[in-house]
Amino acid sequence: SREEGLLSLFAGLTASLISMAVEEAMEMILAYCIERHAKGNQLDVSDKLVLKACGSSVLSVFTSPVNHVGVIQRCQSRLPGLPEPRSVASIVRGLPWRGSFNQLLLFGGILTLNVRLIQWKLQMQAENEEE
């Protein structure tokens, strides 16, 4: 709007760019780790996809707070009816950290369970090949 100025179009852009960069880097690292640890094993494509999906869920717990900051910054304005502008530190303190912790526990547990199931599957395949 005219009262906010041209810079209001870019509110929250930095947080969004940081979030995207961190998410892309984490996805690349996750894919590298899956490929690296799968070497020498007959890991099915479906198993790799399950691990990538579960790993991405865990990683999203770390990137979503940055996304939330960006969204909140975009919604803030001095115009009536919109949230008043706050500092980044104030926004971060107001995020739902308990929910993020619960998500981390849930997604981490699911990832751990899937890793263990795939390990058991590979062990059973190795035992069947020995017989």
Foldseek 3Di string as FASTA:
>chain_A
DVVFDPCLVCFLVVLVVVLVVQLVVQLVVQLVVLVVVCPPFPQDPVLSVQLSVLSSQLVCLVSVLSVQLSVLRSQADPDPPTHHDDDSVVSSVPDPVVVSVVSNVVSVVSSVVSVVVSVVVRVVVVVVVVD
